[in-house]
């Protein structure tokens, strides 16, 4: 696992790999729907209370990222937009929009599969959660089932490029 910021914890918690595997199942569902394969699960007291995958194409909604969807579901399940006792497992490093939503939801812990070198806002392009003036600190882990999380994305984009080369559109 990689160090991300001063609030980084490199130790695996109970069930981290199990919950990331559940997020991966969501990522595979996104891939099957021709959406960028990112999946997320929201966990409270070692129980999944929400699960989602990317669906901006299907929802015709640019905010329908896996993280945003799972936060919406979790807030409804708990009857509160503050999810301060929850842990979020996501297969890909959140973007700037999603990182902001995690802060507003007061997520306790973010567990990521792989980094997003192009648009990640946690450890790649921007390290938005590391700013000391932010009023909420989120514990961060990265690299949980990293190879599997990276592979689902790489395979998706490889298939997409091959389809485009052959003249078919997705």
N, C-alpha and C. Protein backbone atom coordinates (compact mmCIF):
# COMPACT_ATOMS: atom_id res chain seq x y z
N UNK A 1 0.84 -1.18 0.00
CA UNK A 1 0.00 0.00 0.00
C UNK A 1 0.87 1.24 0.00
N UNK A 2 0.36 2.32 -0.53
CA UNK A 2 1.13 3.54 -0.71
C UNK A 2 0.78 4.56 0.35
N UNK A 3 1.76 5.37 0.70
CA UNK A 3 1.52 6.47 1.59
C UNK A 3 0.89 7.60 0.80
N UNK A 4 -0.17 8.19 1.33
CA UNK A 4 -0.88 9.23 0.62
C UNK A 4 -0.74 10.57 1.31
N UNK A 5 -0.94 10.63 2.60
CA UNK A 5 -0.85 11.90 3.31
C UNK A 5 -0.55 11.64 4.78
N UNK A 6 -0.52 12.71 5.55
CA UNK A 6 -0.20 12.57 6.96
C UNK A 6 -1.21 11.73 7.73
N UNK A 7 -2.42 11.59 7.23
CA UNK A 7 -3.42 10.77 7.91
C UNK A 7 -3.54 9.39 7.29
N UNK A 8 -2.48 8.96 6.64
CA UNK A 8 -2.43 7.65 5.98
C UNK A 8 -2.18 6.54 7.00
N UNK A 9 -2.90 5.45 6.85
CA UNK A 9 -2.71 4.26 7.68
C UNK A 9 -2.43 3.11 6.72
N UNK A 10 -1.24 2.53 6.79
CA UNK A 10 -0.85 1.50 5.84
C UNK A 10 -1.30 0.10 6.23
N UNK A 11 -1.91 -0.07 7.38
CA UNK A 11 -2.29 -1.42 7.79
C UNK A 11 -3.68 -1.77 7.26
N UNK A 12 -3.83 -3.01 6.85
CA UNK A 12 -5.14 -3.49 6.41
C UNK A 12 -6.04 -3.67 7.62
N UNK A 13 -7.26 -3.19 7.51
CA UNK A 13 -8.22 -3.38 8.57
C UNK A 13 -9.01 -4.66 8.34
N UNK A 14 -9.84 -5.02 9.30
CA UNK A 14 -10.66 -6.22 9.12
C UNK A 14 -11.58 -6.08 7.92
N UNK A 15 -11.42 -6.99 6.98
CA UNK A 15 -12.32 -7.01 5.84
C UNK A 15 -11.96 -6.09 4.69
N UNK A 16 -10.82 -5.39 4.75
CA UNK A 16 -10.49 -4.46 3.67
C UNK A 16 -10.49 -5.15 2.30
N UNK A 17 -9.86 -6.30 2.20
CA UNK A 17 -9.82 -6.99 0.92
C UNK A 17 -11.21 -7.50 0.53
N UNK A 18 -11.97 -7.97 1.48
CA UNK A 18 -13.33 -8.43 1.20
C UNK A 18 -14.18 -7.28 0.64
N UNK A 19 -14.15 -6.14 1.30
CA UNK A 19 -14.98 -5.02 0.87
C UNK A 19 -14.50 -4.45 -0.47
N UNK A 20 -13.19 -4.46 -0.71
CA UNK A 20 -12.69 -4.01 -2.01
C UNK A 20 -13.12 -4.99 -3.10
N UNK A 21 -13.15 -6.28 -2.80
CA UNK A 21 -13.63 -7.26 -3.77
C UNK A 21 -15.11 -6.99 -4.11
N UNK A 22 -15.88 -6.56 -3.14
CA UNK A 22 -17.27 -6.20 -3.40
C UNK A 22 -17.35 -4.96 -4.29
N UNK A 23 -16.48 -4.00 -4.06
CA UNK A 23 -16.42 -2.82 -4.93
C UNK A 23 -16.02 -3.22 -6.35
N UNK A 24 -15.12 -4.17 -6.45
CA UNK A 24 -14.72 -4.67 -7.78
C UNK A 24 -15.90 -5.30 -8.52
N UNK A 25 -16.77 -6.00 -7.81
CA UNK A 25 -17.96 -6.56 -8.44
C UNK A 25 -18.79 -5.45 -9.09
N UNK A 26 -18.88 -4.33 -8.42
CA UNK A 26 -19.60 -3.17 -8.96
C UNK A 26 -18.87 -2.64 -10.20
N UNK A 27 -17.54 -2.60 -10.15
CA UNK A 27 -16.76 -2.12 -11.30
C UNK A 27 -17.02 -3.00 -12.52
N UNK A 28 -17.09 -4.32 -12.32
CA UNK A 28 -17.38 -5.23 -13.42
C UNK A 28 -18.77 -4.96 -14.00
N UNK A 29 -19.72 -4.63 -13.15
CA UNK A 29 -21.07 -4.30 -13.64
C UNK A 29 -21.03 -3.05 -14.51
N UNK A 30 -20.23 -2.07 -14.10
CA UNK A 30 -20.09 -0.85 -14.89
C UNK A 30 -19.50 -1.18 -16.26
N UNK A 31 -18.48 -2.01 -16.28
CA UNK A 31 -17.84 -2.40 -17.55
C UNK A 31 -18.84 -3.08 -18.46
N UNK A 32 -19.65 -3.96 -17.91
CA UNK A 32 -20.67 -4.66 -18.70
C UNK A 32 -21.67 -3.68 -19.31
N UNK A 33 -21.88 -2.56 -18.65
CA UNK A 33 -22.82 -1.54 -19.14
C UNK A 33 -22.11 -0.49 -19.99
N UNK A 34 -20.84 -0.74 -20.35
CA UNK A 34 -20.03 0.17 -21.16
C UNK A 34 -19.75 1.50 -20.46
N UNK A 35 -19.78 1.48 -19.13
CA UNK A 35 -19.40 2.63 -18.32
C UNK A 35 -17.97 2.43 -17.85
N UNK A 36 -17.26 3.49 -17.55
CA UNK A 36 -15.91 3.34 -17.02
C UNK A 36 -16.01 2.52 -15.74
N UNK A 37 -15.24 1.43 -15.64
CA UNK A 37 -15.44 0.46 -14.55
C UNK A 37 -14.85 0.88 -13.21
N UNK A 38 -15.66 1.64 -12.49
CA UNK A 38 -15.32 2.03 -11.13
C UNK A 38 -16.47 1.59 -10.26
N UNK A 39 -16.14 0.97 -9.13
CA UNK A 39 -17.15 0.51 -8.19
C UNK A 39 -16.84 0.99 -6.79
N UNK A 40 -17.89 1.07 -5.97
CA UNK A 40 -17.72 1.55 -4.60
C UNK A 40 -18.71 0.86 -3.67
N UNK A 41 -18.30 0.67 -2.44
CA UNK A 41 -19.20 0.23 -1.38
C UNK A 41 -18.99 1.10 -0.16
N UNK A 42 -20.07 1.35 0.55
CA UNK A 42 -20.04 2.13 1.77
C UNK A 42 -20.31 1.18 2.93
N UNK A 43 -19.44 1.23 3.93
CA UNK A 43 -19.48 0.27 5.03
C UNK A 43 -19.66 0.98 6.36
N UNK A 44 -20.57 0.46 7.16
CA UNK A 44 -20.80 0.94 8.51
C UNK A 44 -20.84 -0.27 9.43
N UNK A 45 -20.03 -0.26 10.45
CA UNK A 45 -19.98 -1.38 11.41
C UNK A 45 -19.78 -2.72 10.71
N UNK A 46 -18.87 -2.76 9.77
CA UNK A 46 -18.49 -3.97 9.03
C UNK A 46 -19.65 -4.55 8.21
N UNK A 47 -20.60 -3.70 7.83
CA UNK A 47 -21.73 -4.11 6.98
C UNK A 47 -21.83 -3.15 5.81
N UNK A 48 -22.06 -3.68 4.63
CA UNK A 48 -22.26 -2.83 3.45
C UNK A 48 -23.65 -2.23 3.54
N UNK A 49 -23.72 -0.89 3.53
CA UNK A 49 -25.02 -0.22 3.58
C UNK A 49 -25.40 0.37 2.22
N UNK A 50 -24.41 0.45 1.30
CA UNK A 50 -24.70 0.96 -0.04
C UNK A 50 -23.62 0.44 -0.99
N UNK A 51 -24.01 0.25 -2.25
CA UNK A 51 -23.07 -0.18 -3.28
C UNK A 51 -23.49 0.47 -4.59
N UNK A 52 -22.48 0.82 -5.40
CA UNK A 52 -22.79 1.47 -6.67
C UNK A 52 -21.60 1.37 -7.61
N UNK A 53 -21.87 1.70 -8.86
CA UNK A 53 -20.82 1.77 -9.87
C UNK A 53 -21.08 2.99 -10.75
N UNK A 54 -20.07 3.34 -11.53
CA UNK A 54 -20.23 4.48 -12.44
C UNK A 54 -21.43 4.26 -13.34
N UNK A 55 -22.20 5.32 -13.57
CA UNK A 55 -23.32 5.26 -14.49
C UNK A 55 -23.70 6.61 -15.09
N UNK A 56 -22.73 7.47 -15.36
CA UNK A 56 -23.09 8.77 -15.95
C UNK A 56 -23.73 8.65 -17.33
N UNK A 57 -23.34 7.64 -18.11
CA UNK A 57 -23.94 7.48 -19.44
C UNK A 57 -25.39 7.05 -19.29
N UNK A 58 -25.64 6.01 -18.51
CA UNK A 58 -27.00 5.50 -18.33
C UNK A 58 -27.90 6.53 -17.66
N UNK A 59 -27.37 7.26 -16.71
CA UNK A 59 -28.17 8.24 -15.96
C UNK A 59 -28.25 9.59 -16.67
N UNK A 60 -27.45 9.75 -17.72
CA UNK A 60 -27.32 11.04 -18.40
C UNK A 60 -27.06 12.11 -17.34
N UNK A 61 -26.03 11.83 -16.52
CA UNK A 61 -25.74 12.67 -15.37
C UNK A 61 -24.23 12.67 -15.13
N UNK A 62 -23.58 13.79 -15.33
CA UNK A 62 -22.13 13.82 -15.14
C UNK A 62 -21.68 13.59 -13.70
N UNK A 63 -22.60 13.67 -12.75
CA UNK A 63 -22.24 13.44 -11.35
C UNK A 63 -22.50 12.00 -10.91
N UNK A 64 -22.89 11.13 -11.80
CA UNK A 64 -23.24 9.75 -11.42
C UNK A 64 -22.01 8.85 -11.33
N UNK A 65 -20.98 9.35 -10.66
CA UNK A 65 -19.80 8.54 -10.39
C UNK A 65 -20.15 7.55 -9.27
N UNK A 66 -19.41 6.46 -9.20
CA UNK A 66 -19.66 5.44 -8.18
C UNK A 66 -19.70 6.03 -6.77
N UNK A 67 -18.75 6.91 -6.48
CA UNK A 67 -18.67 7.51 -5.14
C UNK A 67 -19.91 8.35 -4.84
N UNK A 68 -20.32 9.16 -5.80
CA UNK A 68 -21.49 10.02 -5.59
C UNK A 68 -22.75 9.18 -5.39
N UNK A 69 -22.88 8.14 -6.20
CA UNK A 69 -24.05 7.27 -6.10
C UNK A 69 -24.11 6.57 -4.74
N UNK A 70 -22.96 6.07 -4.28
CA UNK A 70 -22.94 5.34 -3.01
C UNK A 70 -23.17 6.29 -1.83
N UNK A 71 -22.69 7.53 -1.94
CA UNK A 71 -22.95 8.50 -0.88
C UNK A 71 -24.44 8.84 -0.81
N UNK A 72 -25.07 9.00 -1.96
CA UNK A 72 -26.52 9.28 -1.98
C UNK A 72 -27.30 8.14 -1.33
N UNK A 73 -26.96 6.91 -1.73
CA UNK A 73 -27.65 5.74 -1.16
C UNK A 73 -27.42 5.64 0.34
N UNK A 74 -26.19 5.85 0.76
CA UNK A 74 -25.86 5.76 2.18
C UNK A 74 -26.58 6.81 3.01
N UNK A 75 -26.65 8.02 2.49
CA UNK A 75 -27.35 9.09 3.20
C UNK A 75 -28.83 8.76 3.37
N UNK A 76 -29.43 8.22 2.31
CA UNK A 76 -30.84 7.83 2.40
C UNK A 76 -31.02 6.68 3.39
N UNK A 77 -30.10 5.71 3.35
CA UNK A 77 -30.22 4.56 4.25
C UNK A 77 -30.12 4.98 5.72
N UNK A 78 -29.27 5.95 6.00
CA UNK A 78 -29.08 6.40 7.39
C UNK A 78 -29.97 7.57 7.77
N UNK A 79 -30.62 8.19 6.78
CA UNK A 79 -31.44 9.36 7.07
C UNK A 79 -30.63 10.56 7.50
N UNK A 80 -29.39 10.64 7.00
CA UNK A 80 -28.50 11.74 7.37
C UNK A 80 -27.44 11.88 6.30
N UNK A 81 -27.17 13.11 5.89
CA UNK A 81 -26.12 13.31 4.88
C UNK A 81 -24.73 13.23 5.49
N UNK A 82 -24.62 13.25 6.78
CA UNK A 82 -23.33 13.09 7.45
C UNK A 82 -23.09 11.59 7.63
N UNK A 83 -22.02 11.11 7.04
CA UNK A 83 -21.69 9.68 7.08
C UNK A 83 -20.40 9.47 7.86
N UNK A 84 -20.31 10.13 9.00
CA UNK A 84 -19.06 10.24 9.75
C UNK A 84 -18.54 8.94 10.35
N UNK A 85 -19.35 7.91 10.41
CA UNK A 85 -18.88 6.63 10.93
C UNK A 85 -18.64 5.62 9.81
N UNK A 86 -18.73 6.07 8.57
CA UNK A 86 -18.65 5.16 7.42
C UNK A 86 -17.26 5.13 6.79
N UNK A 87 -17.00 3.99 6.18
CA UNK A 87 -15.77 3.78 5.40
C UNK A 87 -16.19 3.58 3.95
N UNK A 88 -15.49 4.25 3.04
CA UNK A 88 -15.79 4.13 1.62
C UNK A 88 -14.68 3.35 0.93
N UNK A 89 -15.05 2.29 0.25
CA UNK A 89 -14.12 1.49 -0.56
C UNK A 89 -14.42 1.82 -2.00
N UNK A 90 -13.39 2.24 -2.75
CA UNK A 90 -13.57 2.57 -4.16
C UNK A 90 -12.38 2.04 -4.94
N UNK A 91 -12.67 1.50 -6.12
CA UNK A 91 -11.63 0.83 -6.90
C UNK A 91 -10.63 1.79 -7.53
N UNK A 92 -11.01 3.04 -7.72
CA UNK A 92 -10.14 4.04 -8.34
C UNK A 92 -10.14 5.31 -7.51
N UNK A 93 -9.00 5.94 -7.43
CA UNK A 93 -8.86 7.21 -6.71
C UNK A 93 -9.93 8.20 -7.15
N UNK A 94 -10.64 8.81 -6.20
CA UNK A 94 -11.68 9.76 -6.54
C UNK A 94 -11.16 11.01 -7.26
N UNK A 95 -12.05 11.57 -8.10
CA UNK A 95 -11.77 12.82 -8.79
C UNK A 95 -12.01 13.98 -7.82
N UNK A 96 -11.79 15.19 -8.28
CA UNK A 96 -11.98 16.37 -7.45
C UNK A 96 -13.42 16.51 -6.96
N UNK A 97 -14.38 16.27 -7.85
CA UNK A 97 -15.80 16.37 -7.46
C UNK A 97 -16.11 15.39 -6.33
N UNK A 98 -15.68 14.15 -6.50
CA UNK A 98 -15.98 13.12 -5.51
C UNK A 98 -15.24 13.35 -4.20
N UNK A 99 -14.01 13.84 -4.30
CA UNK A 99 -13.24 14.15 -3.08
C UNK A 99 -13.97 15.22 -2.27
N UNK A 100 -14.50 16.23 -2.94
CA UNK A 100 -15.28 17.26 -2.24
C UNK A 100 -16.51 16.68 -1.58
N UNK A 101 -17.18 15.78 -2.25
CA UNK A 101 -18.38 15.15 -1.68
C UNK A 101 -18.02 14.32 -0.44
N UNK A 102 -16.86 13.65 -0.49
CA UNK A 102 -16.42 12.86 0.68
C UNK A 102 -16.22 13.76 1.88
N UNK A 103 -15.65 14.94 1.64
CA UNK A 103 -15.46 15.90 2.73
C UNK A 103 -16.79 16.37 3.29
N UNK A 104 -17.72 16.73 2.42
CA UNK A 104 -19.02 17.22 2.88
C UNK A 104 -19.81 16.13 3.60
N UNK A 105 -19.63 14.88 3.20
CA UNK A 105 -20.32 13.77 3.88
C UNK A 105 -19.63 13.39 5.18
N UNK A 106 -18.43 13.89 5.38
CA UNK A 106 -17.64 13.59 6.59
C UNK A 106 -17.29 12.11 6.70
N UNK A 107 -16.96 11.49 5.57
CA UNK A 107 -16.53 10.09 5.57
C UNK A 107 -15.36 9.92 6.54
N UNK A 108 -15.37 8.86 7.31
CA UNK A 108 -14.29 8.61 8.27
C UNK A 108 -13.03 8.10 7.60
N UNK A 109 -13.21 7.17 6.64
CA UNK A 109 -12.04 6.53 6.03
C UNK A 109 -12.32 6.24 4.56
N UNK A 110 -11.31 6.49 3.73
CA UNK A 110 -11.36 6.20 2.30
C UNK A 110 -10.33 5.11 2.02
N UNK A 111 -10.78 4.04 1.41
CA UNK A 111 -9.89 2.94 1.04
C UNK A 111 -9.97 2.81 -0.48
N UNK A 112 -8.82 3.02 -1.14
CA UNK A 112 -8.77 3.03 -2.61
C UNK A 112 -8.03 1.81 -3.12
N UNK A 113 -8.44 1.38 -4.31
CA UNK A 113 -7.74 0.29 -4.97
C UNK A 113 -6.49 0.78 -5.69
N UNK A 114 -6.69 1.67 -6.66
CA UNK A 114 -5.56 2.14 -7.45
C UNK A 114 -5.65 3.65 -7.66
N UNK A 115 -4.53 4.26 -7.93
CA UNK A 115 -4.48 5.70 -8.17
C UNK A 115 -4.90 6.02 -9.60
N UNK A 116 -5.34 7.25 -9.80
CA UNK A 116 -5.74 7.74 -11.12
C UNK A 116 -4.79 8.86 -11.51
N UNK A 117 -3.77 8.50 -12.28
CA UNK A 117 -2.73 9.46 -12.64
C UNK A 117 -3.25 10.63 -13.48
N UNK A 118 -4.40 10.45 -14.14
CA UNK A 118 -4.92 11.51 -15.01
C UNK A 118 -5.78 12.53 -14.27
N UNK A 119 -6.63 12.06 -13.38
CA UNK A 119 -7.55 13.02 -12.74
C UNK A 119 -7.80 12.73 -11.27
N UNK A 120 -6.92 11.99 -10.63
CA UNK A 120 -7.09 11.70 -9.21
C UNK A 120 -6.87 12.93 -8.35
N UNK A 121 -7.67 13.06 -7.30
CA UNK A 121 -7.59 14.23 -6.43
C UNK A 121 -7.17 13.89 -5.00
N UNK A 122 -6.69 12.67 -4.79
CA UNK A 122 -6.29 12.26 -3.44
C UNK A 122 -4.77 12.14 -3.35
N UNK A 123 -4.17 11.42 -4.30
CA UNK A 123 -2.72 11.20 -4.25
C UNK A 123 -2.02 11.44 -5.59
N UNK A 124 -2.75 11.75 -6.63
CA UNK A 124 -2.14 11.86 -7.95
C UNK A 124 -2.00 13.31 -8.40
N UNK A 125 -2.98 13.84 -9.09
CA UNK A 125 -2.91 15.21 -9.63
C UNK A 125 -2.98 16.27 -8.55
N UNK A 126 -3.92 16.11 -7.66
CA UNK A 126 -4.15 17.05 -6.57
C UNK A 126 -4.23 16.20 -5.31
N UNK A 127 -3.83 16.76 -4.21
CA UNK A 127 -3.96 16.04 -2.93
C UNK A 127 -4.88 16.85 -2.03
N UNK A 128 -6.12 16.97 -2.48
CA UNK A 128 -7.07 17.88 -1.85
C UNK A 128 -7.35 17.54 -0.39
N UNK A 129 -7.33 16.28 -0.02
CA UNK A 129 -7.61 15.92 1.37
C UNK A 129 -6.45 16.19 2.30
N UNK A 130 -5.29 16.49 1.76
CA UNK A 130 -4.11 16.71 2.59
C UNK A 130 -3.96 18.17 3.05
N UNK A 131 -4.79 19.07 2.53
CA UNK A 131 -4.68 20.47 2.93
C UNK A 131 -5.01 20.61 4.41
N UNK A 132 -4.11 21.20 5.20
CA UNK A 132 -4.32 21.26 6.66
C UNK A 132 -5.48 22.16 7.08
N UNK A 133 -5.90 23.08 6.22
CA UNK A 133 -6.97 23.99 6.58
C UNK A 133 -8.37 23.41 6.35
N UNK A 134 -8.43 22.22 5.78
CA UNK A 134 -9.74 21.59 5.56
C UNK A 134 -10.32 21.20 6.91
N UNK A 135 -11.62 21.44 7.09
CA UNK A 135 -12.24 21.24 8.41
C UNK A 135 -12.57 19.80 8.77
N UNK A 136 -12.27 18.85 7.88
CA UNK A 136 -12.50 17.44 8.19
C UNK A 136 -11.34 16.63 7.64
N UNK A 137 -10.80 15.77 8.43
CA UNK A 137 -9.70 14.92 7.99
C UNK A 137 -10.22 13.50 7.77
N UNK A 138 -9.86 12.94 6.63
CA UNK A 138 -10.28 11.59 6.27
C UNK A 138 -9.06 10.68 6.30
N UNK A 139 -9.16 9.58 6.99
CA UNK A 139 -8.08 8.59 6.98
C UNK A 139 -8.08 7.92 5.60
N UNK A 140 -6.89 7.70 5.04
CA UNK A 140 -6.79 7.20 3.67
C UNK A 140 -5.87 5.99 3.61
N UNK A 141 -6.33 4.98 2.85
CA UNK A 141 -5.49 3.83 2.50
C UNK A 141 -5.56 3.69 0.99
N UNK A 142 -4.46 3.28 0.41
CA UNK A 142 -4.50 2.99 -1.03
C UNK A 142 -3.76 1.69 -1.29
N UNK A 143 -4.05 1.11 -2.44
CA UNK A 143 -3.36 -0.10 -2.85
C UNK A 143 -4.02 -1.39 -2.42
N UNK A 144 -5.26 -1.34 -1.94
CA UNK A 144 -5.97 -2.55 -1.55
C UNK A 144 -6.49 -3.22 -2.83
N UNK A 145 -6.04 -4.44 -3.08
CA UNK A 145 -6.34 -5.18 -4.32
C UNK A 145 -5.99 -4.33 -5.55
N UNK A 146 -4.89 -3.65 -5.45
CA UNK A 146 -4.47 -2.69 -6.49
C UNK A 146 -4.36 -3.32 -7.87
N UNK A 147 -3.74 -4.48 -7.96
CA UNK A 147 -3.56 -5.10 -9.28
C UNK A 147 -4.90 -5.41 -9.94
N UNK A 148 -5.85 -5.94 -9.19
CA UNK A 148 -7.16 -6.27 -9.74
C UNK A 148 -7.91 -5.00 -10.15
N UNK A 149 -7.82 -3.97 -9.32
CA UNK A 149 -8.51 -2.71 -9.63
C UNK A 149 -7.92 -2.05 -10.88
N UNK A 150 -6.62 -2.10 -11.01
CA UNK A 150 -5.97 -1.54 -12.20
C UNK A 150 -6.31 -2.37 -13.43
N UNK A 151 -6.32 -3.69 -13.29
CA UNK A 151 -6.57 -4.58 -14.42
C UNK A 151 -7.95 -4.37 -15.03
N UNK A 152 -8.97 -4.19 -14.20
CA UNK A 152 -10.32 -4.01 -14.75
C UNK A 152 -10.38 -2.75 -15.62
N UNK A 153 -9.68 -1.71 -15.20
CA UNK A 153 -9.64 -0.48 -16.00
C UNK A 153 -8.82 -0.66 -17.27
N UNK A 154 -7.65 -1.25 -17.14
CA UNK A 154 -6.79 -1.46 -18.31
C UNK A 154 -7.48 -2.34 -19.35
N UNK A 155 -8.12 -3.40 -18.92
CA UNK A 155 -8.81 -4.29 -19.85
C UNK A 155 -9.96 -3.58 -20.55
N UNK A 156 -10.69 -2.77 -19.81
CA UNK A 156 -11.81 -2.01 -20.37
C UNK A 156 -11.33 -1.09 -21.49
N UNK A 157 -10.28 -0.33 -21.21
CA UNK A 157 -9.79 0.62 -22.21
C UNK A 157 -9.08 -0.08 -23.36
N UNK A 158 -8.44 -1.21 -23.11
CA UNK A 158 -7.84 -1.98 -24.19
C UNK A 158 -8.93 -2.48 -25.15
N UNK A 159 -9.99 -3.04 -24.59
CA UNK A 159 -11.10 -3.52 -25.42
C UNK A 159 -11.74 -2.37 -26.19
N UNK A 160 -11.86 -1.24 -25.55
CA UNK A 160 -12.45 -0.07 -26.20
C UNK A 160 -11.60 0.40 -27.38
N UNK A 161 -10.27 0.45 -27.18
CA UNK A 161 -9.38 0.84 -28.28
C UNK A 161 -9.43 -0.16 -29.43
N UNK A 162 -9.46 -1.43 -29.11
CA UNK A 162 -9.52 -2.46 -30.16
C UNK A 162 -10.83 -2.36 -30.94
N UNK A 163 -11.92 -2.09 -30.24
CA UNK A 163 -13.22 -1.94 -30.90
C UNK A 163 -13.20 -0.72 -31.83
N UNK A 164 -12.61 0.36 -31.37
CA UNK A 164 -12.54 1.58 -32.18
C UNK A 164 -11.66 1.38 -33.41
N UNK A 165 -10.56 0.63 -33.25
CA UNK A 165 -9.69 0.35 -34.39
C UNK A 165 -10.39 -0.47 -35.48
N UNK A 166 -11.27 -1.34 -35.05
CA UNK A 166 -11.98 -2.20 -36.00
C UNK A 166 -13.15 -1.48 -36.65
N UNK A 167 -13.38 -0.22 -36.28
CA UNK A 167 -14.44 0.56 -36.90
C UNK A 167 -15.76 0.52 -36.19
N UNK A 168 -15.85 -0.22 -35.11
CA UNK A 168 -17.11 -0.26 -34.33
C UNK A 168 -17.08 0.83 -33.27
N UNK A 169 -18.21 1.40 -33.01
CA UNK A 169 -18.30 2.42 -31.96
C UNK A 169 -18.97 1.82 -30.75
N UNK A 170 -18.52 2.27 -29.57
CA UNK A 170 -19.16 1.81 -28.32
C UNK A 170 -20.36 2.65 -27.99
